[in-house]
């Protein structure tokens, strides 16, 4: 049986962000069932093999001459800027005038840039890492003057951490063959895949520092789904450590991770909800702990961005779920083109391709399973462009 004790006060959140929870720990009094371990091993093997599906088979030709903006949460966060850059490249192929806008990890900037897009009379804005809950009023404003809003890797206003309100995006990128939302994708596939690797790698016997960024709805979904999976792991002890975007970009994350490692000297796993947390401090804290004698300490990330592939090769990072971020941008552009054409959205075919030291992509970038490497040419064929 597990019991939970509150260990810290709620971390401060961004002004327009979501209610979060403070640090907590779960104490295990048993072992993990064989069934849970077998499930985790099977899921991990499938993720390593790659879960991409068939590429789209058809769609409307390019609706040329559109003016579109790509709003990235921050050009310093790979999980935001890589999809935005992919969107820019795809937009250029579609014959659109396109601009990449840096949100600077600041909701005030997100809102200002959306209103600037409205003033510029653009045809559409695509959001990457910018959730509806942070820009709800501004979305209403831009849509009111005829600007379409497309959610790439972004949550609409009907996600549960926005109070389950009405969706405001004109359209959004679909994930998986049943066309699930980004919310379901992160909760059903991404978060559990990372937890399953930990369970499989440790045989269901692990003490875990689970670092949580609850002022970001997407990353809160990742943390919640991981915690839910570990609740099924009878041999797992989980210590939740909250941090904020201010900690991440303000140089405080290494200190928080070091303090957590000192507080929990028997922890053998550190988990972060996004790879940027590793490069901005957690990786350094874990490497220092290893030098101090904790050689087997594992560190998991999320997206599998280029810096993380390098860190896995070097031994700093242990695992990433592997998400095709540039492809995400191309798929978003295709989705927006379908919206302009008035046709239904389709499955992009994107899955995951998990990576650790024994399962790394051939190059320095992960952007889909090998069988999907021609996705850009496939989109251009659909659009009727060179």
Foldseek 3Di string as FASTA:
>chain_A
DKDKDADDAFDDFAPLFFGDGAKMKIDFDDFFDPVLLVVLVVLLVDLQQFQFDDADDFAEAQPAAFEEEEEFLACLACQGNLLRVLLVVLCVLSHYHYYYHGNNNHLVSVLVVLVVCLVVVGQEYEYGLDECSSHVVSLVVSVVSRYAYEYQLYYFCCDVRNVNDDGRHPYYFFADQVRDDSLCCLLPPFLVNQLSVVCNVVVLAFEEEEEAARRRPSLNSSSVSSVVSNVSRSNYMYIYHYDYVCCLVVLNLQVSLLVVCVVPVRGQEYEYSACSSCVSHNLVNQVVVCVVPSVRRAYEHEALALVVLVCLLVPSHFKYSAWQSSLSNSSSSSVVSNVVVVHDRGHRSTDGNMDHNVRGDPDSGGHRDPVCPCNSVSVSVNNVGD
